[in-house]
Amino acid sequence: MPLYAIIATDRADSLADRLAARPAHLARLETLKNEGRLVLAGPFPAVDAVDPGPAGFSGSLIVAEFDGLDAAQSWADADPYRAADVYVSVVVKPFKHVLP
């Protein structure tokens, strides 16, 4: 199954909405993980720190297997962070895993 990168950018001051929608967002990622389709996922801290505190996050990256670009885009469009207006933009691209 091909891989796709989902690259999302948060809106400014999205931390409260991000935290509220996080359980539903993580549940979807757990499903991908349990299906063996998740390569990696995580947020981009808004500052150079593991825990950015009130600075929050500037976006997210997910790399996972999907049947095709349309399926990856549909999955990204249904993300709870989209419904909560955390993300101002989401780009979905085919991804080729080279290393490691």
C-alpha atoms as a PDB file:
ATOM      1  CA  MET A   1       0.000   0.000   0.000  1.00  0.00           C
ATOM      2  CA  PRO A   2       1.444   3.440  -0.868  1.00  0.00           C
ATOM      3  CA  LEU A   3       2.458   6.012   1.711  1.00  0.00           C
ATOM      4  CA  TYR A   4       1.164   9.576   2.037  1.00  0.00           C
ATOM      5  CA  ALA A   5       2.356  12.535   4.088  1.00  0.00           C
ATOM      6  CA  ILE A   6      -0.283  14.730   5.677  1.00  0.00           C
ATOM      7  CA  ILE A   7       1.260  18.099   6.532  1.00  0.00           C
ATOM      8  CA  ALA A   8      -0.989  20.431   8.502  1.00  0.00           C
ATOM      9  CA  THR A   9      -0.491  24.001   9.668  1.00  0.00           C
ATOM     10  CA  ASP A  10      -2.214  25.258  12.832  1.00  0.00           C
ATOM     11  CA  ARG A  11      -3.911  28.606  13.101  1.00  0.00           C
ATOM     12  CA  ALA A  12      -2.496  31.048  15.631  1.00  0.00           C
ATOM     13  CA  ASP A  13      -3.754  30.506  19.187  1.00  0.00           C
ATOM     14  CA  SER A  14      -5.129  27.044  18.408  1.00  0.00           C
ATOM     15  CA  LEU A  15      -3.844  25.316  21.561  1.00  0.00           C
ATOM     16  CA  ALA A  16      -7.125  25.226  23.518  1.00  0.00           C
ATOM     17  CA  ASP A  17      -9.055  23.831  20.522  1.00  0.00           C
ATOM     18  CA  ARG A  18      -6.216  21.411  19.776  1.00  0.00           C
ATOM     19  CA  LEU A  19      -6.296  20.053  23.334  1.00  0.00           C
ATOM     20  CA  ALA A  20     -10.091  19.699  23.264  1.00  0.00           C
ATOM     21  CA  ALA A  21     -10.048  17.736  19.986  1.00  0.00           C
ATOM     22  CA  ARG A  22      -6.915  15.717  20.819  1.00  0.00           C
ATOM     23  CA  PRO A  23      -8.600  12.552  22.203  1.00  0.00           C
ATOM     24  CA  ALA A  24     -10.639  12.086  19.016  1.00  0.00           C
ATOM     25  CA  HIS A  25      -7.603  12.907  16.850  1.00  0.00           C
ATOM     26  CA  LEU A  26      -5.459  10.340  18.706  1.00  0.00           C
ATOM     27  CA  ALA A  27      -8.189   7.690  18.469  1.00  0.00           C
ATOM     28  CA  ARG A  28      -8.060   7.895  14.667  1.00  0.00           C
ATOM     29  CA  LEU A  29      -4.274   7.608  14.727  1.00  0.00           C
ATOM     30  CA  GLU A  30      -4.506   4.589  17.049  1.00  0.00           C
ATOM     31  CA  THR A  31      -6.782   2.926  14.502  1.00  0.00           C
ATOM     32  CA  LEU A  32      -4.195   3.457  11.759  1.00  0.00           C
ATOM     33  CA  LYS A  33      -1.498   2.139  14.105  1.00  0.00           C
ATOM     34  CA  ASN A  34      -3.530  -0.953  15.024  1.00  0.00           C
ATOM     35  CA  GLU A  35      -4.085  -1.641  11.323  1.00  0.00           C
ATOM     36  CA  GLY A  36      -0.316  -1.478  10.750  1.00  0.00           C
ATOM     37  CA  ARG A  37      -0.662   1.549   8.455  1.00  0.00           C
ATOM     38  CA  LEU A  38       0.892   4.337  10.574  1.00  0.00           C
ATOM     39  CA  VAL A  39       4.576   5.122   9.959  1.00  0.00           C
ATOM     40  CA  LEU A  40       4.813   8.213  12.166  1.00  0.00           C
ATOM     41  CA  ALA A  41       2.741  11.045  13.542  1.00  0.00           C
ATOM     42  CA  GLY A  42       3.338  14.070  15.697  1.00  0.00           C
ATOM     43  CA  PRO A  43       3.035  17.817  16.122  1.00  0.00           C
ATOM     44  CA  PHE A  44       5.511  20.589  15.366  1.00  0.00           C
ATOM     45  CA  PRO A  45       6.182  22.543  18.586  1.00  0.00           C
ATOM     46  CA  ALA A  46       5.856  26.294  18.001  1.00  0.00           C
ATOM     47  CA  VAL A  47       9.112  26.843  19.911  1.00  0.00           C
ATOM     48  CA  ASP A  48      12.292  24.783  20.194  1.00  0.00           C
ATOM     49  CA  ALA A  49      11.164  22.616  23.103  1.00  0.00           C
ATOM     50  CA  VAL A  50       9.742  19.138  23.603  1.00  0.00           C
ATOM     51  CA  ASP A  51       6.941  20.718  25.642  1.00  0.00           C
ATOM     52  CA  PRO A  52       6.188  24.130  24.136  1.00  0.00           C
ATOM     53  CA  GLY A  53       3.793  25.055  26.950  1.00  0.00           C
ATOM     54  CA  PRO A  54       1.438  27.918  26.100  1.00  0.00           C
ATOM     55  CA  ALA A  55       3.255  28.543  22.779  1.00  0.00           C
ATOM     56  CA  GLY A  56       1.486  25.433  21.498  1.00  0.00           C
ATOM     57  CA  PHE A  57       2.119  23.881  18.143  1.00  0.00           C
ATOM     58  CA  SER A  58       2.519  25.132  14.599  1.00  0.00           C
ATOM     59  CA  GLY A  59       1.151  22.046  12.871  1.00  0.00           C
ATOM     60  CA  SER A  60       1.381  18.283  12.485  1.00  0.00           C
ATOM     61  CA  LEU A  61       2.886  15.578  10.317  1.00  0.00           C
ATOM     62  CA  ILE A  62       1.376  12.164   9.673  1.00  0.00           C
ATOM     63  CA  VAL A  63       2.860   9.539   7.367  1.00  0.00           C
ATOM     64  CA  ALA A  64       0.624   6.547   6.773  1.00  0.00           C
ATOM     65  CA  GLU A  65      -0.509   3.990   4.224  1.00  0.00           C
ATOM     66  CA  PHE A  66      -3.686   4.640   2.266  1.00  0.00           C
ATOM     67  CA  ASP A  67      -5.221   3.019  -0.827  1.00  0.00           C
ATOM     68  CA  GLY A  68      -4.553   6.177  -2.824  1.00  0.00           C
ATOM     69  CA  LEU A  69      -4.315   9.951  -2.742  1.00  0.00           C
ATOM     70  CA  ASP A  70      -8.094  10.393  -2.641  1.00  0.00           C
ATOM     71  CA  ALA A  71      -8.360   8.068   0.370  1.00  0.00           C
ATOM     72  CA  ALA A  72      -5.561   9.925   2.164  1.00  0.00           C
ATOM     73  CA  GLN A  73      -7.189  13.283   1.426  1.00  0.00           C
ATOM     74  CA  SER A  74     -10.583  12.049   2.648  1.00  0.00           C
ATOM     75  CA  TRP A  75      -9.017  10.755   5.853  1.00  0.00           C
ATOM     76  CA  ALA A  76      -7.224  14.083   6.410  1.00  0.00           C
ATOM     77  CA  ASP A  77     -10.399  16.061   5.700  1.00  0.00           C
ATOM     78  CA  ALA A  78     -12.250  14.100   8.403  1.00  0.00           C
ATOM     79  CA  ASP A  79      -9.652  14.834  11.108  1.00  0.00           C
ATOM     80  CA  PRO A  80     -11.184  16.237  14.315  1.00  0.00           C
ATOM     81  CA  TYR A  81      -8.608  19.041  14.214  1.00  0.00           C
ATOM     82  CA  ARG A  82     -10.158  20.163  10.914  1.00  0.00           C
ATOM     83  CA  ALA A  83     -13.636  20.166  12.458  1.00  0.00           C
ATOM     84  CA  ALA A  84     -12.297  22.192  15.420  1.00  0.00           C
ATOM     85  CA  ASP A  85     -10.622  24.706  13.058  1.00  0.00           C
ATOM     86  CA  VAL A  86      -7.200  23.932  14.521  1.00  0.00           C
ATOM     87  CA  TYR A  87      -5.692  23.603  11.050  1.00  0.00           C
ATOM     88  CA  VAL A  88      -5.639  26.492   8.580  1.00  0.00           C
ATOM     89  CA  SER A  89      -4.199  24.309   5.833  1.00  0.00           C
ATOM     90  CA  VAL A  90      -3.608  20.638   5.125  1.00  0.00           C
ATOM     91  CA  VAL A  91      -1.472  19.301   2.296  1.00  0.00           C
ATOM     92  CA  VAL A  92      -1.549  15.621   1.365  1.00  0.00           C
ATOM     93  CA  LYS A  93       1.280  14.272  -0.791  1.00  0.00           C
ATOM     94  CA  PRO A  94       2.544  10.875  -1.892  1.00  0.00           C
ATOM     95  CA  PHE A  95       5.569   9.889   0.210  1.00  0.00           C
ATOM     96  CA  LYS A  96       8.448   7.575  -0.593  1.00  0.00           C
ATOM     97  CA  HIS A  97      10.068   6.059   2.506  1.00  0.00           C
ATOM     98  CA  VAL A  98      13.815   5.687   1.878  1.00  0.00           C
ATOM     99  CA  LEU A  99      15.552   5.654   5.267  1.00  0.00           C
ATOM    100  CA  PRO A 100      15.841   4.136   7.774  1.00  0.00           C
END
